[in-house]
Amino acid sequence: MTHANFLVKVTDATIPQVRKALKGAGIEVRSIILVHKEETETEEVHEEIQDEKKDEAKEQ
């Protein structure tokens, strides 16, 4: 038997969801560790920021 370590990056998934998906694919998971988590802009927020920048540019 061999053990392997993988880094998996996901969007909007929790550790239990990842574990369940891997188990469903027949992959035995020994452990999952959260290494880094960051909040990203939603598409709506991104559009609002772009609109504000355009308005500022028009005023100048």
C-alpha atoms as a PDB file:
ATOM      1  CA  MET A   1       0.000   0.000   0.000  1.00  0.00           C
ATOM      2  CA  THR A   2       1.212   3.528  -0.725  1.00  0.00           C
ATOM      3  CA  HIS A   3       0.160   6.801   0.806  1.00  0.00           C
ATOM      4  CA  ALA A   4       0.000   9.953  -1.314  1.00  0.00           C
ATOM      5  CA  ASN A   5      -0.630  13.612  -0.483  1.00  0.00           C
ATOM      6  CA  PHE A   6      -2.610  15.839  -2.840  1.00  0.00           C
ATOM      7  CA  LEU A   7      -3.517  19.512  -2.736  1.00  0.00           C
ATOM      8  CA  VAL A   8      -7.070  20.126  -3.927  1.00  0.00           C
ATOM      9  CA  LYS A   9      -8.382  23.662  -4.445  1.00  0.00           C
ATOM     10  CA  VAL A  10     -12.154  24.043  -4.343  1.00  0.00           C
ATOM     11  CA  THR A  11     -14.722  26.788  -4.702  1.00  0.00           C
ATOM     12  CA  ASP A  12     -17.652  26.900  -2.302  1.00  0.00           C
ATOM     13  CA  ALA A  13     -17.174  23.433  -0.822  1.00  0.00           C
ATOM     14  CA  THR A  14     -16.802  22.246   2.733  1.00  0.00           C
ATOM     15  CA  ILE A  15     -14.495  19.541   4.041  1.00  0.00           C
ATOM     16  CA  PRO A  16     -17.385  17.077   4.516  1.00  0.00           C
ATOM     17  CA  GLN A  17     -18.518  17.694   0.928  1.00  0.00           C
ATOM     18  CA  VAL A  18     -15.020  17.026  -0.405  1.00  0.00           C
ATOM     19  CA  ARG A  19     -14.687  13.889   1.723  1.00  0.00           C
ATOM     20  CA  LYS A  20     -18.079  12.622   0.527  1.00  0.00           C
ATOM     21  CA  ALA A  21     -17.243  13.305  -3.139  1.00  0.00           C
ATOM     22  CA  LEU A  22     -13.938  11.466  -2.891  1.00  0.00           C
ATOM     23  CA  LYS A  23     -15.540   8.568  -1.037  1.00  0.00           C
ATOM     24  CA  GLY A  24     -18.235   8.416  -3.735  1.00  0.00           C
ATOM     25  CA  ALA A  25     -15.457   8.074  -6.307  1.00  0.00           C
ATOM     26  CA  GLY A  26     -14.033   5.139  -4.374  1.00  0.00           C
ATOM     27  CA  ILE A  27     -11.116   7.083  -2.877  1.00  0.00           C
ATOM     28  CA  GLU A  28     -10.249   6.383   0.745  1.00  0.00           C
ATOM     29  CA  VAL A  29      -9.453   9.644   2.552  1.00  0.00           C
ATOM     30  CA  ARG A  30      -7.075   9.455   5.505  1.00  0.00           C
ATOM     31  CA  SER A  31      -7.299  13.146   6.424  1.00  0.00           C
ATOM     32  CA  ILE A  32      -8.237  16.550   5.051  1.00  0.00           C
ATOM     33  CA  ILE A  33      -6.525  19.688   6.319  1.00  0.00           C
ATOM     34  CA  LEU A  34      -7.643  23.237   5.569  1.00  0.00           C
ATOM     35  CA  VAL A  35      -4.452  25.055   4.579  1.00  0.00           C
ATOM     36  CA  HIS A  36      -5.767  28.450   3.478  1.00  0.00           C
ATOM     37  CA  LYS A  37      -9.163  30.085   3.098  1.00  0.00           C
ATOM     38  CA  GLU A  38      -9.902  33.452   1.522  1.00  0.00           C
ATOM     39  CA  GLU A  39     -13.076  35.329   0.780  1.00  0.00           C
ATOM     40  CA  THR A  40     -13.434  36.423  -2.832  1.00  0.00           C
ATOM     41  CA  GLU A  41     -15.620  39.053  -4.415  1.00  0.00           C
ATOM     42  CA  THR A  42     -18.948  37.906  -5.702  1.00  0.00           C
ATOM     43  CA  GLU A  43     -19.758  38.761  -9.293  1.00  0.00           C
ATOM     44  CA  GLU A  44     -22.329  41.289  -8.082  1.00  0.00           C
ATOM     45  CA  VAL A  45     -19.831  43.103  -5.839  1.00  0.00           C
ATOM     46  CA  HIS A  46     -17.271  43.079  -8.645  1.00  0.00           C
ATOM     47  CA  GLU A  47     -19.774  44.723 -11.017  1.00  0.00           C
ATOM     48  CA  GLU A  48     -20.629  47.383  -8.411  1.00  0.00           C
ATOM     49  CA  ILE A  49     -16.947  48.243  -7.987  1.00  0.00           C
ATOM     50  CA  GLN A  50     -16.500  48.524 -11.751  1.00  0.00           C
ATOM     51  CA  ASP A  51     -19.573  50.794 -11.992  1.00  0.00           C
ATOM     52  CA  GLU A  52     -18.204  53.050  -9.226  1.00  0.00           C
ATOM     53  CA  LYS A  53     -14.865  53.337 -11.026  1.00  0.00           C
ATOM     54  CA  LYS A  54     -16.632  54.295 -14.260  1.00  0.00           C
ATOM     55  CA  ASP A  55     -18.695  56.951 -12.450  1.00  0.00           C
ATOM     56  CA  GLU A  56     -15.544  58.406 -10.853  1.00  0.00           C
ATOM     57  CA  ALA A  57     -13.806  58.540 -14.235  1.00  0.00           C
ATOM     58  CA  LYS A  58     -16.780  60.413 -15.773  1.00  0.00           C
ATOM     59  CA  GLU A  59     -16.759  62.998 -12.964  1.00  0.00           C
ATOM     60  CA  GLN A  60     -13.095  63.835 -13.535  1.00  0.00           C
END
